[in-house]
Amino acid sequence: MAEKWYLILVLWGNKYSAKHINLIVEAVFRHSSTCAQAILMTDRIREGIDSRVSQVVISDFFNCQERKQNYTTKLSLFDSNALPSNARCVYLDIDTVVTGDLAKLASLLKTPNDMFMLPPGGLIGFGALRRLIFKLSRQRRMATGNSSILAFHSGMAPNLCGEFIRLTQSNESDNPVLRNDDLFISWFGQQHLKAVPKNIGVMFRREFLTRSRLYGWIRNRLPWVRQRRDEIAAVTFNGVDHKLETLLTLPDGSLHLDSKGRSGRWSRAEMGPIKDKIVQASEALLSEQ
């Protein structure tokens, strides 16, 4: 029997409705029979949330304006008091579209200290070389990933959330890694972090946009890229240049250009069938905002 896993979401403010949360949860359960429950870390109890979701109010330490502004409120997702014991967990940002079975990601967790994160850009991601650089630089140089999609174990020791609180309250509170969620998660997990596989979860801009249009055109037609994209279970749309509400207004085949000079065609011919999955899931989500 396949091992159960838990979906973790974090929500504060008023941008996203209960129905938006419910649609994400519904998509996860529709694609995965092994998701045991969803846990919503929230600044307040929300009305109308799916019964498969357990709501947990974020602790006062994280539920404050300072941490909301630098997004370290998000680190409450690792709060051991809110998580089931000895459980595999998958976290998604709210602006993520679910297109497949996220049990594939949860199943990669083999030990309590395993952690998966969207990797940094560039040729060197997470791995032995990065760990060596981190060690030799006395933890000053590291690979910084993106926390829009995460997989971790509730039994990690020490607990990430507990360590953040301890360091914030200690004489190390001026450490720059304490000022950003991605920085702290990357710093905390640098010695054992692994990349979320590209056939499971991706960041939209890194997967579908390139600085060279010729390179993008060639990559989009490679058969192994098309095959991998057909297996993707989650696509996250972080960054103001890549919001779903903007992309869905573009005609098929339009060139999407961001502020850093990256571009790609919002097109099924270029992106493959994953584009249809994104559109189908996105239209339902955006109708509820």
C-alpha atoms as a PDB file:
ATOM      1  CA  MET A   1       0.000   0.000   0.000  1.00  0.00           C
ATOM      2  CA  ALA A   2       1.340   3.422  -0.975  1.00  0.00           C
ATOM      3  CA  GLU A   3       2.368   5.644   1.924  1.00  0.00           C
ATOM      4  CA  LYS A   4       0.133   8.587   2.737  1.00  0.00           C
ATOM      5  CA  TRP A   5       1.356  12.163   2.508  1.00  0.00           C
ATOM      6  CA  TYR A   6       0.042  15.617   3.470  1.00  0.00           C
ATOM      7  CA  LEU A   7      -0.525  18.781   1.456  1.00  0.00           C
ATOM      8  CA  ILE A   8       0.549  22.011   3.194  1.00  0.00           C
ATOM      9  CA  LEU A   9      -0.688  25.489   2.211  1.00  0.00           C
ATOM     10  CA  VAL A  10      -0.092  28.886   3.828  1.00  0.00           C
ATOM     11  CA  LEU A  11      -2.499  31.810   3.508  1.00  0.00           C
ATOM     12  CA  TRP A  12      -2.702  35.295   4.916  1.00  0.00           C
ATOM     13  CA  GLY A  13      -4.466  38.450   3.780  1.00  0.00           C
ATOM     14  CA  ASN A  14      -7.470  38.758   1.478  1.00  0.00           C
ATOM     15  CA  LYS A  15      -6.185  38.134  -2.044  1.00  0.00           C
ATOM     16  CA  TYR A  16      -7.277  34.495  -2.252  1.00  0.00           C
ATOM     17  CA  SER A  17     -10.735  33.179  -1.432  1.00  0.00           C
ATOM     18  CA  ALA A  18     -11.793  29.972   0.296  1.00  0.00           C
ATOM     19  CA  LYS A  19     -12.999  28.698  -3.079  1.00  0.00           C
ATOM     20  CA  HIS A  20      -9.536  29.241  -4.539  1.00  0.00           C
ATOM     21  CA  ILE A  21      -8.042  27.106  -1.766  1.00  0.00           C
ATOM     22  CA  ASN A  22     -10.728  24.473  -2.293  1.00  0.00           C
ATOM     23  CA  LEU A  23      -9.951  24.231  -6.009  1.00  0.00           C
ATOM     24  CA  ILE A  24      -6.265  23.593  -5.310  1.00  0.00           C
ATOM     25  CA  VAL A  25      -7.188  20.959  -2.739  1.00  0.00           C
ATOM     26  CA  GLU A  26      -9.707  19.365  -5.111  1.00  0.00           C
ATOM     27  CA  ALA A  27      -7.075  19.155  -7.862  1.00  0.00           C
ATOM     28  CA  VAL A  28      -4.580  17.526  -5.503  1.00  0.00           C
ATOM     29  CA  PHE A  29      -7.076  14.908  -4.302  1.00  0.00           C
ATOM     30  CA  ARG A  30      -8.336  14.298  -7.832  1.00  0.00           C
ATOM     31  CA  HIS A  31      -4.858  13.431  -9.050  1.00  0.00           C
ATOM     32  CA  SER A  32      -3.635  11.624  -5.917  1.00  0.00           C
ATOM     33  CA  SER A  33      -5.362   8.855  -3.989  1.00  0.00           C
ATOM     34  CA  THR A  34      -2.630   8.844  -1.331  1.00  0.00           C
ATOM     35  CA  CYS A  35      -2.999  12.418  -0.061  1.00  0.00           C
ATOM     36  CA  ALA A  36      -4.222  11.903   3.520  1.00  0.00           C
ATOM     37  CA  GLN A  37      -5.208  15.484   4.300  1.00  0.00           C
ATOM     38  CA  ALA A  38      -4.529  19.123   3.495  1.00  0.00           C
ATOM     39  CA  ILE A  39      -3.335  21.492   6.212  1.00  0.00           C
ATOM     40  CA  LEU A  40      -3.912  25.217   5.778  1.00  0.00           C
ATOM     41  CA  MET A  41      -1.732  27.488   7.887  1.00  0.00           C
ATOM     42  CA  THR A  42      -3.759  30.700   8.027  1.00  0.00           C
ATOM     43  CA  ASP A  43      -3.821  34.066   9.787  1.00  0.00           C
ATOM     44  CA  ARG A  44      -7.460  33.410  10.732  1.00  0.00           C
ATOM     45  CA  ILE A  45     -10.017  30.625  10.436  1.00  0.00           C
ATOM     46  CA  ARG A  46     -11.710  30.825   7.046  1.00  0.00           C
ATOM     47  CA  GLU A  47     -15.339  30.044   6.322  1.00  0.00           C
ATOM     48  CA  GLY A  48     -16.283  27.657   3.525  1.00  0.00           C
ATOM     49  CA  ILE A  49     -13.058  25.625   3.457  1.00  0.00           C
ATOM     50  CA  ASP A  50     -13.210  22.029   2.162  1.00  0.00           C
ATOM     51  CA  SER A  51     -13.746  19.446   4.927  1.00  0.00           C
ATOM     52  CA  ARG A  52     -10.561  17.656   3.841  1.00  0.00           C
ATOM     53  CA  VAL A  53      -8.594  20.693   5.022  1.00  0.00           C
ATOM     54  CA  SER A  54      -7.459  21.134   8.611  1.00  0.00           C
ATOM     55  CA  GLN A  55      -7.037  24.836   9.418  1.00  0.00           C
ATOM     56  CA  VAL A  56      -4.286  25.895  11.821  1.00  0.00           C
ATOM     57  CA  VAL A  57      -3.931  29.513  12.929  1.00  0.00           C
ATOM     58  CA  ILE A  58      -0.379  30.781  12.456  1.00  0.00           C
ATOM     59  CA  SER A  59       1.347  31.506  15.765  1.00  0.00           C
ATOM     60  CA  ASP A  60       1.713  35.099  16.919  1.00  0.00           C
ATOM     61  CA  PHE A  61       5.463  34.922  16.302  1.00  0.00           C
ATOM     62  CA  PHE A  62       4.885  34.542  12.553  1.00  0.00           C
ATOM     63  CA  ASN A  63       1.519  36.273  12.238  1.00  0.00           C
ATOM     64  CA  CYS A  64       2.903  39.812  12.324  1.00  0.00           C
ATOM     65  CA  GLN A  65       3.440  42.544   9.739  1.00  0.00           C
ATOM     66  CA  GLU A  66       7.238  42.378   9.776  1.00  0.00           C
ATOM     67  CA  ARG A  67       7.330  38.703   8.827  1.00  0.00           C
ATOM     68  CA  LYS A  68       4.504  39.042   6.325  1.00  0.00           C
ATOM     69  CA  GLN A  69       6.438  41.759   4.501  1.00  0.00           C
ATOM     70  CA  ASN A  70       9.573  39.632   4.078  1.00  0.00           C
ATOM     71  CA  TYR A  71       7.549  36.440   3.614  1.00  0.00           C
ATOM     72  CA  THR A  72       9.111  34.671   6.603  1.00  0.00           C
ATOM     73  CA  THR A  73       5.549  34.077   7.833  1.00  0.00           C
ATOM     74  CA  LYS A  74       5.705  31.251   5.303  1.00  0.00           C
ATOM     75  CA  LEU A  75       8.214  29.416   7.509  1.00  0.00           C
ATOM     76  CA  SER A  76       5.312  28.574   9.827  1.00  0.00           C
ATOM     77  CA  LEU A  77       4.602  25.712   7.404  1.00  0.00           C
ATOM     78  CA  PHE A  78       7.367  23.780   9.186  1.00  0.00           C
ATOM     79  CA  ASP A  79       5.803  24.273  12.645  1.00  0.00           C
ATOM     80  CA  SER A  80       5.987  20.842  14.289  1.00  0.00           C
ATOM     81  CA  ASN A  81       2.959  21.692  16.433  1.00  0.00           C
ATOM     82  CA  ALA A  82       0.814  22.021  13.286  1.00  0.00           C
ATOM     83  CA  LEU A  83       2.061  18.946  11.422  1.00  0.00           C
ATOM     84  CA  PRO A  84       1.230  15.263  11.857  1.00  0.00           C
ATOM     85  CA  SER A  85       4.111  13.283  13.337  1.00  0.00           C
ATOM     86  CA  ASN A  86       6.362  11.186  11.114  1.00  0.00           C
ATOM     87  CA  ALA A  87       4.710  12.394   7.910  1.00  0.00           C
ATOM     88  CA  ARG A  88       5.773  13.215   4.374  1.00  0.00           C
ATOM     89  CA  CYS A  89       4.659  16.705   3.389  1.00  0.00           C
ATOM     90  CA  VAL A  90       4.402  18.640   0.128  1.00  0.00           C
ATOM     91  CA  TYR A  91       4.021  22.423   0.222  1.00  0.00           C
ATOM     92  CA  LEU A  92       2.643  24.558  -2.630  1.00  0.00           C
ATOM     93  CA  ASP A  93       2.420  28.325  -3.005  1.00  0.00           C
ATOM     94  CA  ILE A  94      -1.143  29.486  -3.605  1.00  0.00           C
ATOM     95  CA  ASP A  95      -0.267  30.649  -7.151  1.00  0.00           C
ATOM     96  CA  THR A  96       0.573  27.079  -8.199  1.00  0.00           C
ATOM     97  CA  VAL A  97      -1.442  25.035 -10.688  1.00  0.00           C
ATOM     98  CA  VAL A  98      -1.762  21.301 -10.022  1.00  0.00           C
ATOM     99  CA  THR A  99      -1.660  19.172 -13.178  1.00  0.00           C
ATOM    100  CA  GLY A 100      -0.708  15.720 -11.874  1.00  0.00           C
ATOM    101  CA  ASP A 101      -0.008  13.411  -8.936  1.00  0.00           C
ATOM    102  CA  LEU A 102       2.196  15.037  -6.285  1.00  0.00           C
ATOM    103  CA  ALA A 103       2.668  11.688  -4.565  1.00  0.00           C
ATOM    104  CA  LYS A 104       5.613  11.355  -6.967  1.00  0.00           C
ATOM    105  CA  LEU A 105       7.338  14.145  -5.057  1.00  0.00           C
ATOM    106  CA  ALA A 106       6.360  12.926  -1.584  1.00  0.00           C
ATOM    107  CA  SER A 107       7.704   9.458  -2.383  1.00  0.00           C
ATOM    108  CA  LEU A 108      11.223  10.853  -2.872  1.00  0.00           C
ATOM    109  CA  LEU A 109      11.493  11.559   0.862  1.00  0.00           C
ATOM    110  CA  LYS A 110      13.467   8.631   2.277  1.00  0.00           C
ATOM    111  CA  THR A 111      14.714  10.029   5.599  1.00  0.00           C
ATOM    112  CA  PRO A 112      13.370  12.657   8.039  1.00  0.00           C
ATOM    113  CA  ASN A 113      16.035  15.165   6.989  1.00  0.00           C
ATOM    114  CA  ASP A 114      15.426  14.904   3.250  1.00  0.00           C
ATOM    115  CA  MET A 115      14.202  18.142   1.692  1.00  0.00           C
ATOM    116  CA  PHE A 116      13.348  19.046  -1.893  1.00  0.00           C
ATOM    117  CA  MET A 117      13.138  22.612  -3.242  1.00  0.00           C
ATOM    118  CA  LEU A 118      12.973  24.236  -6.664  1.00  0.00           C
ATOM    119  CA  PRO A 119      16.659  24.621  -7.614  1.00  0.00           C
ATOM    120  CA  PRO A 120      18.544  27.837  -8.326  1.00  0.00           C
ATOM    121  CA  GLY A 121      19.208  28.866 -11.895  1.00  0.00           C
ATOM    122  CA  GLY A 122      22.565  28.300 -13.541  1.00  0.00           C
ATOM    123  CA  LEU A 123      24.618  25.203 -14.259  1.00  0.00           C
ATOM    124  CA  ILE A 124      25.384  24.347 -10.618  1.00  0.00           C
ATOM    125  CA  GLY A 125      22.314  23.608  -8.543  1.00  0.00           C
ATOM    126  CA  PHE A 126      22.211  21.709  -5.274  1.00  0.00           C
ATOM    127  CA  GLY A 127      24.702  18.903  -4.758  1.00  0.00           C
ATOM    128  CA  ALA A 128      28.161  17.913  -3.541  1.00  0.00           C
ATOM    129  CA  LEU A 129      30.009  20.860  -5.083  1.00  0.00           C
ATOM    130  CA  ARG A 130      27.613  23.372  -3.559  1.00  0.00           C
ATOM    131  CA  ARG A 131      27.893  21.679  -0.172  1.00  0.00           C
ATOM    132  CA  LEU A 132      31.682  21.895  -0.361  1.00  0.00           C
ATOM    133  CA  ILE A 133      31.560  25.603  -1.249  1.00  0.00           C
ATOM    134  CA  PHE A 134      29.140  26.157   1.616  1.00  0.00           C
ATOM    135  CA  LYS A 135      31.487  24.426   4.047  1.00  0.00           C
ATOM    136  CA  LEU A 136      34.684  26.116   2.832  1.00  0.00           C
ATOM    137  CA  SER A 137      33.056  29.561   2.895  1.00  0.00           C
ATOM    138  CA  ARG A 138      31.903  29.008   6.482  1.00  0.00           C
ATOM    139  CA  GLN A 139      28.261  29.026   5.374  1.00  0.00           C
ATOM    140  CA  ARG A 140      28.517  32.375   3.600  1.00  0.00           C
ATOM    141  CA  ARG A 141      28.203  31.117   0.011  1.00  0.00           C
ATOM    142  CA  MET A 142      25.307  28.860  -0.870  1.00  0.00           C
ATOM    143  CA  ALA A 143      22.811  27.848  -3.508  1.00  0.00           C
ATOM    144  CA  THR A 144      19.501  29.646  -2.968  1.00  0.00           C
ATOM    145  CA  GLY A 145      16.466  27.779  -4.212  1.00  0.00           C
ATOM    146  CA  ASN A 146      12.839  28.779  -4.568  1.00  0.00           C
ATOM    147  CA  SER A 147      10.286  27.631  -1.997  1.00  0.00           C
ATOM    148  CA  SER A 148       7.158  27.766  -4.166  1.00  0.00           C
ATOM    149  CA  ILE A 149       7.202  23.953  -4.230  1.00  0.00           C
ATOM    150  CA  LEU A 150       8.717  21.978  -1.355  1.00  0.00           C
ATOM    151  CA  ALA A 151       8.820  18.445  -0.038  1.00  0.00           C
ATOM    152  CA  PHE A 152       9.958  17.693   3.508  1.00  0.00           C
ATOM    153  CA  HIS A 153       9.404  15.370   6.451  1.00  0.00           C
ATOM    154  CA  SER A 154       7.651  16.510   9.632  1.00  0.00           C
ATOM    155  CA  GLY A 155      10.213  14.600  11.684  1.00  0.00           C
ATOM    156  CA  MET A 156      13.213  16.691  10.569  1.00  0.00           C
ATOM    157  CA  ALA A 157      15.710  17.312  13.364  1.00  0.00           C
ATOM    158  CA  PRO A 158      16.317  20.024  14.221  1.00  0.00           C
ATOM    159  CA  ASN A 159      13.023  21.518  13.119  1.00  0.00           C
ATOM    160  CA  LEU A 160      13.407  24.384  10.630  1.00  0.00           C
ATOM    161  CA  CYS A 161      10.680  26.505  12.190  1.00  0.00           C
ATOM    162  CA  GLY A 162      12.122  26.034  15.685  1.00  0.00           C
ATOM    163  CA  GLU A 163      15.602  26.974  14.495  1.00  0.00           C
ATOM    164  CA  PHE A 164      14.324  30.143  12.846  1.00  0.00           C
ATOM    165  CA  ILE A 165      12.612  31.221  16.067  1.00  0.00           C
ATOM    166  CA  ARG A 166      15.689  30.388  18.142  1.00  0.00           C
ATOM    167  CA  LEU A 167      18.066  32.334  15.888  1.00  0.00           C
ATOM    168  CA  THR A 168      15.692  35.291  15.555  1.00  0.00           C
ATOM    169  CA  GLN A 169      15.511  35.596  19.336  1.00  0.00           C
ATOM    170  CA  SER A 170      19.272  35.135  19.820  1.00  0.00           C
ATOM    171  CA  ASN A 171      22.217  37.424  19.284  1.00  0.00           C
ATOM    172  CA  GLU A 172      22.368  36.163  15.690  1.00  0.00           C
ATOM    173  CA  SER A 173      19.198  38.056  14.769  1.00  0.00           C
ATOM    174  CA  ASP A 174      21.106  40.329  12.340  1.00  0.00           C
ATOM    175  CA  ASN A 175      22.006  37.361  10.136  1.00  0.00           C
ATOM    176  CA  PRO A 176      20.766  38.170   6.595  1.00  0.00           C
ATOM    177  CA  VAL A 177      19.396  34.642   6.095  1.00  0.00           C
ATOM    178  CA  LEU A 178      16.726  35.472   8.677  1.00  0.00           C
ATOM    179  CA  ARG A 179      15.224  38.161   6.439  1.00  0.00           C
ATOM    180  CA  ASN A 180      13.850  35.991   3.631  1.00  0.00           C
ATOM    181  CA  ASP A 181      12.084  32.622   3.442  1.00  0.00           C
ATOM    182  CA  ASP A 182      14.038  31.239   0.469  1.00  0.00           C
ATOM    183  CA  LEU A 183      17.351  32.281   2.018  1.00  0.00           C
ATOM    184  CA  PHE A 184      16.632  30.659   5.343  1.00  0.00           C
ATOM    185  CA  ILE A 185      15.294  27.395   3.913  1.00  0.00           C
ATOM    186  CA  SER A 186      18.315  27.163   1.600  1.00  0.00           C
ATOM    187  CA  TRP A 187      20.766  27.959   4.399  1.00  0.00           C
ATOM    188  CA  PHE A 188      19.134  25.564   6.857  1.00  0.00           C
ATOM    189  CA  GLY A 189      18.953  22.684   4.398  1.00  0.00           C
ATOM    190  CA  GLN A 190      22.089  23.348   2.327  1.00  0.00           C
ATOM    191  CA  GLN A 191      23.857  20.147   3.395  1.00  0.00           C
ATOM    192  CA  HIS A 192      21.044  17.860   2.238  1.00  0.00           C
ATOM    193  CA  LEU A 193      18.830  19.873  -0.120  1.00  0.00           C
ATOM    194  CA  LYS A 194      17.859  18.259  -3.405  1.00  0.00           C
ATOM    195  CA  ALA A 195      16.145  19.701  -6.446  1.00  0.00           C
ATOM    196  CA  VAL A 196      12.478  19.070  -7.156  1.00  0.00           C
ATOM    197  CA  PRO A 197      12.739  16.972 -10.346  1.00  0.00           C
ATOM    198  CA  LYS A 198      11.747  18.849 -13.489  1.00  0.00           C
ATOM    199  CA  ASN A 199       9.306  16.131 -14.473  1.00  0.00           C
ATOM    200  CA  ILE A 200       7.357  16.759 -11.238  1.00  0.00           C
ATOM    201  CA  GLY A 201       7.379  20.487 -10.451  1.00  0.00           C
ATOM    202  CA  VAL A 202       8.619  23.575 -12.271  1.00  0.00           C
ATOM    203  CA  MET A 203       8.676  27.343 -12.133  1.00  0.00           C
ATOM    204  CA  PHE A 204       6.891  28.738 -15.192  1.00  0.00           C
ATOM    205  CA  ARG A 205       9.542  31.275 -16.177  1.00  0.00           C
ATOM    206  CA  ARG A 206      12.454  28.836 -15.929  1.00  0.00           C
ATOM    207  CA  GLU A 207      10.655  26.063 -17.752  1.00  0.00           C
ATOM    208  CA  PHE A 208       9.072  28.008 -20.602  1.00  0.00           C
ATOM    209  CA  LEU A 209      11.070  31.249 -21.021  1.00  0.00           C
ATOM    210  CA  THR A 210      14.637  31.676 -22.303  1.00  0.00           C
ATOM    211  CA  ARG A 211      16.964  34.569 -23.089  1.00  0.00           C
ATOM    212  CA  SER A 212      17.619  33.149 -26.554  1.00  0.00           C
ATOM    213  CA  ARG A 213      14.552  32.635 -28.734  1.00  0.00           C
ATOM    214  CA  LEU A 214      16.471  30.244 -30.977  1.00  0.00           C
ATOM    215  CA  TYR A 215      17.493  28.122 -28.000  1.00  0.00           C
ATOM    216  CA  GLY A 216      13.901  28.166 -26.745  1.00  0.00           C
ATOM    217  CA  TRP A 217      12.563  27.126 -30.142  1.00  0.00           C
ATOM    218  CA  ILE A 218      14.990  24.193 -30.300  1.00  0.00           C
ATOM    219  CA  ARG A 219      14.447  23.102 -26.682  1.00  0.00           C
ATOM    220  CA  ASN A 220      10.675  23.131 -27.039  1.00  0.00           C
ATOM    221  CA  ARG A 221      10.909  20.576 -29.847  1.00  0.00           C
ATOM    222  CA  LEU A 222      13.227  18.078 -28.200  1.00  0.00           C
ATOM    223  CA  PRO A 223      11.234  14.845 -27.724  1.00  0.00           C
ATOM    224  CA  TRP A 224      12.588  14.187 -24.220  1.00  0.00           C
ATOM    225  CA  VAL A 225      11.591  17.701 -23.130  1.00  0.00           C
ATOM    226  CA  ARG A 226       8.076  17.188 -24.495  1.00  0.00           C
ATOM    227  CA  GLN A 227       7.846  13.840 -22.694  1.00  0.00           C
ATOM    228  CA  ARG A 228       9.074  15.303 -19.394  1.00  0.00           C
ATOM    229  CA  ARG A 229       6.637  18.196 -19.581  1.00  0.00           C
ATOM    230  CA  ASP A 230       3.758  15.788 -20.061  1.00  0.00           C
ATOM    231  CA  GLU A 231       4.591  14.306 -16.633  1.00  0.00           C
ATOM    232  CA  ILE A 232       4.695  17.615 -14.705  1.00  0.00           C
ATOM    233  CA  ALA A 233       2.437  17.611 -11.642  1.00  0.00           C
ATOM    234  CA  ALA A 234       2.703  21.275 -10.577  1.00  0.00           C
ATOM    235  CA  VAL A 235       3.616  24.603 -12.204  1.00  0.00           C
ATOM    236  CA  THR A 236       4.173  27.668 -10.052  1.00  0.00           C
ATOM    237  CA  PHE A 237       3.795  31.235 -11.322  1.00  0.00           C
ATOM    238  CA  ASN A 238       5.941  33.338  -9.009  1.00  0.00           C
ATOM    239  CA  GLY A 239       6.968  36.841 -10.014  1.00  0.00           C
ATOM    240  CA  VAL A 240       4.879  39.806 -11.139  1.00  0.00           C
ATOM    241  CA  ASP A 241       5.776  39.228 -14.802  1.00  0.00           C
ATOM    242  CA  HIS A 242       4.305  35.742 -14.880  1.00  0.00           C
ATOM    243  CA  LYS A 243       0.894  35.865 -13.288  1.00  0.00           C
ATOM    244  CA  LEU A 244      -1.858  33.625 -14.565  1.00  0.00           C
ATOM    245  CA  GLU A 245      -4.327  36.489 -14.890  1.00  0.00           C
ATOM    246  CA  THR A 246      -1.964  38.061 -17.439  1.00  0.00           C
ATOM    247  CA  LEU A 247      -1.079  34.903 -19.341  1.00  0.00           C
ATOM    248  CA  LEU A 248      -4.691  33.835 -19.805  1.00  0.00           C
ATOM    249  CA  THR A 249      -5.476  37.070 -21.653  1.00  0.00           C
ATOM    250  CA  LEU A 250      -2.861  36.280 -24.323  1.00  0.00           C
ATOM    251  CA  PRO A 251      -3.969  34.734 -27.639  1.00  0.00           C
ATOM    252  CA  ASP A 252      -2.436  31.331 -28.387  1.00  0.00           C
ATOM    253  CA  GLY A 253       0.944  31.856 -30.026  1.00  0.00           C
ATOM    254  CA  SER A 254       1.626  35.223 -28.383  1.00  0.00           C
ATOM    255  CA  LEU A 255       5.171  36.093 -27.356  1.00  0.00           C
ATOM    256  CA  HIS A 256       5.422  36.596 -23.602  1.00  0.00           C
ATOM    257  CA  LEU A 257       8.354  38.868 -22.682  1.00  0.00           C
ATOM    258  CA  ASP A 258       9.365  39.622 -19.091  1.00  0.00           C
ATOM    259  CA  SER A 259      11.285  42.551 -17.592  1.00  0.00           C
ATOM    260  CA  LYS A 260      14.583  40.624 -17.579  1.00  0.00           C
ATOM    261  CA  GLY A 261      14.606  39.911 -21.290  1.00  0.00           C
ATOM    262  CA  ARG A 262      13.347  36.323 -21.115  1.00  0.00           C
ATOM    263  CA  SER A 263      10.677  35.295 -23.565  1.00  0.00           C
ATOM    264  CA  GLY A 264       8.593  32.372 -24.735  1.00  0.00           C
ATOM    265  CA  ARG A 265       5.519  31.631 -26.793  1.00  0.00           C
ATOM    266  CA  TRP A 266       2.260  31.165 -24.890  1.00  0.00           C
ATOM    267  CA  SER A 267       1.442  28.379 -27.291  1.00  0.00           C
ATOM    268  CA  ARG A 268       0.513  24.697 -27.270  1.00  0.00           C
ATOM    269  CA  ALA A 269       2.819  24.182 -30.232  1.00  0.00           C
ATOM    270  CA  GLU A 270       5.746  25.502 -28.170  1.00  0.00           C
ATOM    271  CA  MET A 271       4.841  24.355 -24.660  1.00  0.00           C
ATOM    272  CA  GLY A 272       3.151  21.058 -25.465  1.00  0.00           C
ATOM    273  CA  PRO A 273      -0.029  19.585 -23.907  1.00  0.00           C
ATOM    274  CA  ILE A 274       0.945  20.975 -20.492  1.00  0.00           C
ATOM    275  CA  LYS A 275      -0.330  24.342 -21.784  1.00  0.00           C
ATOM    276  CA  ASP A 276      -3.877  22.939 -22.062  1.00  0.00           C
ATOM    277  CA  LYS A 277      -3.641  21.517 -18.527  1.00  0.00           C
ATOM    278  CA  ILE A 278      -2.485  24.874 -17.173  1.00  0.00           C
ATOM    279  CA  VAL A 279      -5.280  26.762 -18.921  1.00  0.00           C
ATOM    280  CA  GLN A 280      -7.969  24.350 -17.762  1.00  0.00           C
ATOM    281  CA  ALA A 281      -6.862  24.489 -14.124  1.00  0.00           C
ATOM    282  CA  SER A 282      -6.143  28.223 -14.188  1.00  0.00           C
ATOM    283  CA  GLU A 283      -9.512  29.315 -15.528  1.00  0.00           C
ATOM    284  CA  ALA A 284     -11.252  27.619 -12.626  1.00  0.00           C
ATOM    285  CA  LEU A 285      -8.893  29.177 -10.084  1.00  0.00           C
ATOM    286  CA  LEU A 286      -9.066  32.702 -11.489  1.00  0.00           C
ATOM    287  CA  SER A 287     -12.854  32.677 -11.692  1.00  0.00           C
ATOM    288  CA  GLU A 288     -12.887  32.468  -7.900  1.00  0.00           C
ATOM    289  CA  GLN A 289     -10.496  35.332  -7.116  1.00  0.00           C
END
